[in-house]
Amino acid sequence: MDNFYDKSEQERLLYRKARKKVKELRGFYYHLTCYIVIMPLLIFINLRFSPEFLWFFFSLIGWGLGLGFHAMEVFGYNPFLGKGWEDRKLRELMEKERQDRAKYE
């Protein structure tokens, strides 16, 4: 019976993790869609009403950088901390917490 409980608990954890990933992906695709729809409008407004100063580049670059960082987060690319850093850090902190609890038992 214990094995069955562990399996269902694993399934619940996998489901929660997959659901979280789907929410992150949906948020990124919403962000990307807004960028694709709004940037041409900003470019049009800039070129139509004030072509002497091309201010749309500020939005294009700034929002584009934000979108790029959002993509890096959602798709798990992190050149700064390396692959698996978050998992290693979680394990490290959990082990430290276990050791701290063991001190007071």
Protein backbone atom coordinates (compact mmCIF):
# COMPACT_ATOMS: atom_id res chain seq x y z
CA MET A 1 0.00 0.00 0.00
CA ASP A 2 2.88 2.36 0.76
CA ASN A 3 4.25 1.97 -2.77
CA PHE A 4 0.86 2.99 -4.23
CA TYR A 5 0.84 6.13 -2.11
CA ASP A 6 4.34 7.06 -3.25
CA LYS A 7 3.37 6.60 -6.90
CA SER A 8 0.27 8.76 -6.62
CA GLU A 9 2.27 11.39 -4.76
CA GLN A 10 4.86 11.33 -7.54
CA GLU A 11 2.10 11.73 -10.11
CA ARG A 12 0.70 14.73 -8.23
CA LEU A 13 4.15 16.33 -8.09
CA LEU A 14 4.71 15.71 -11.80
CA TYR A 15 1.28 17.14 -12.60
CA ARG A 16 1.96 20.29 -10.54
CA LYS A 17 5.34 20.78 -12.19
CA ALA A 18 3.87 20.29 -15.68
CA ARG A 19 0.99 22.65 -14.92
CA LYS A 20 3.43 25.32 -13.72
CA LYS A 21 5.49 24.91 -16.90
CA VAL A 22 2.37 25.27 -19.07
CA LYS A 23 1.44 28.48 -17.24
CA GLU A 24 4.95 29.84 -17.82
CA LEU A 25 4.78 28.96 -21.52
CA ARG A 26 1.34 30.55 -21.86
CA GLY A 27 2.64 33.73 -20.23
CA PHE A 28 5.61 33.84 -22.58
CA TYR A 29 3.48 33.31 -25.68
CA TYR A 30 1.10 36.04 -24.52
CA HIS A 31 4.10 38.35 -24.03
CA LEU A 32 5.45 37.45 -27.50
CA THR A 33 2.04 38.03 -29.13
CA CYS A 34 1.74 41.48 -27.53
CA TYR A 35 5.22 42.36 -28.77
CA ILE A 36 4.42 41.22 -32.31
CA VAL A 37 1.14 43.15 -32.40
CA ILE A 38 2.16 46.36 -30.64
CA MET A 39 5.63 46.96 -32.08
CA PRO A 40 4.39 47.49 -35.67
CA LEU A 41 1.82 49.94 -34.31
CA LEU A 42 4.51 51.90 -32.48
CA ILE A 43 6.70 51.91 -35.57
CA PHE A 44 3.80 53.16 -37.68
CA ILE A 45 2.94 55.91 -35.17
CA ASN A 46 6.57 56.99 -34.98
CA LEU A 47 7.12 57.08 -38.74
CA ARG A 48 3.76 58.74 -39.44
CA PHE A 49 3.79 61.50 -36.82
CA SER A 50 7.43 62.16 -35.92
CA PRO A 51 9.72 60.65 -38.56
CA GLU A 52 12.54 63.07 -37.69
CA PHE A 53 13.25 61.18 -34.43
CA LEU A 54 13.10 57.39 -34.46
CA TRP A 55 12.05 56.76 -30.88
CA PHE A 56 10.51 53.35 -31.60
CA PHE A 57 14.01 51.81 -31.36
CA PHE A 58 13.95 52.40 -27.60
CA SER A 59 10.78 50.32 -27.27
CA LEU A 60 11.97 47.74 -29.77
CA ILE A 61 15.26 47.15 -27.97
CA GLY A 62 14.02 47.51 -24.39
CA TRP A 63 10.96 45.33 -24.77
CA GLY A 64 12.93 42.93 -26.95
CA LEU A 65 15.51 42.47 -24.19
CA GLY A 66 12.75 41.85 -21.67
CA LEU A 67 11.18 39.32 -24.01
CA GLY A 68 14.54 37.63 -24.48
CA PHE A 69 15.09 37.32 -20.73
CA HIS A 70 11.55 35.99 -20.34
CA ALA A 71 12.28 33.35 -22.99
CA MET A 72 15.53 32.40 -21.24
CA GLU A 73 13.64 31.86 -18.00
CA VAL A 74 10.78 29.88 -19.52
CA PHE A 75 12.95 27.64 -21.68
CA GLY A 76 15.53 27.08 -18.96
CA TYR A 77 18.55 28.75 -20.53
CA ASN A 78 20.77 30.42 -17.96
CA PRO A 79 24.33 31.14 -19.09
CA PHE A 80 25.15 32.85 -15.79
CA LEU A 81 24.41 30.10 -13.28
CA GLY A 82 24.78 27.01 -15.43
CA LYS A 83 22.55 24.04 -16.08
CA GLY A 84 20.92 22.51 -13.04
CA TRP A 85 22.00 25.27 -10.67
CA GLU A 86 18.52 25.71 -9.25
CA ASP A 87 18.13 21.98 -8.54
CA ARG A 88 21.54 21.79 -6.88
CA LYS A 89 20.77 24.85 -4.76
CA LEU A 90 17.38 23.45 -3.72
CA ARG A 91 18.98 20.17 -2.66
CA GLU A 92 21.68 22.06 -0.75
CA LEU A 93 19.16 24.21 1.11
CA MET A 94 16.93 21.23 1.89
CA GLU A 95 19.89 19.32 3.32
CA LYS A 96 20.88 22.33 5.43
CA GLU A 97 17.30 22.57 6.74
CA ARG A 98 17.34 18.84 7.64
CA GLN A 99 20.61 19.29 9.51
CA ASP A 100 19.28 22.33 11.37
CA ARG A 101 16.14 20.43 12.39
CA ALA A 102 18.21 17.44 13.53
CA LYS A 103 20.15 19.72 15.91
CA TYR A 104 16.99 20.56 17.85
CA GLU A 105 15.43 17.12 18.00
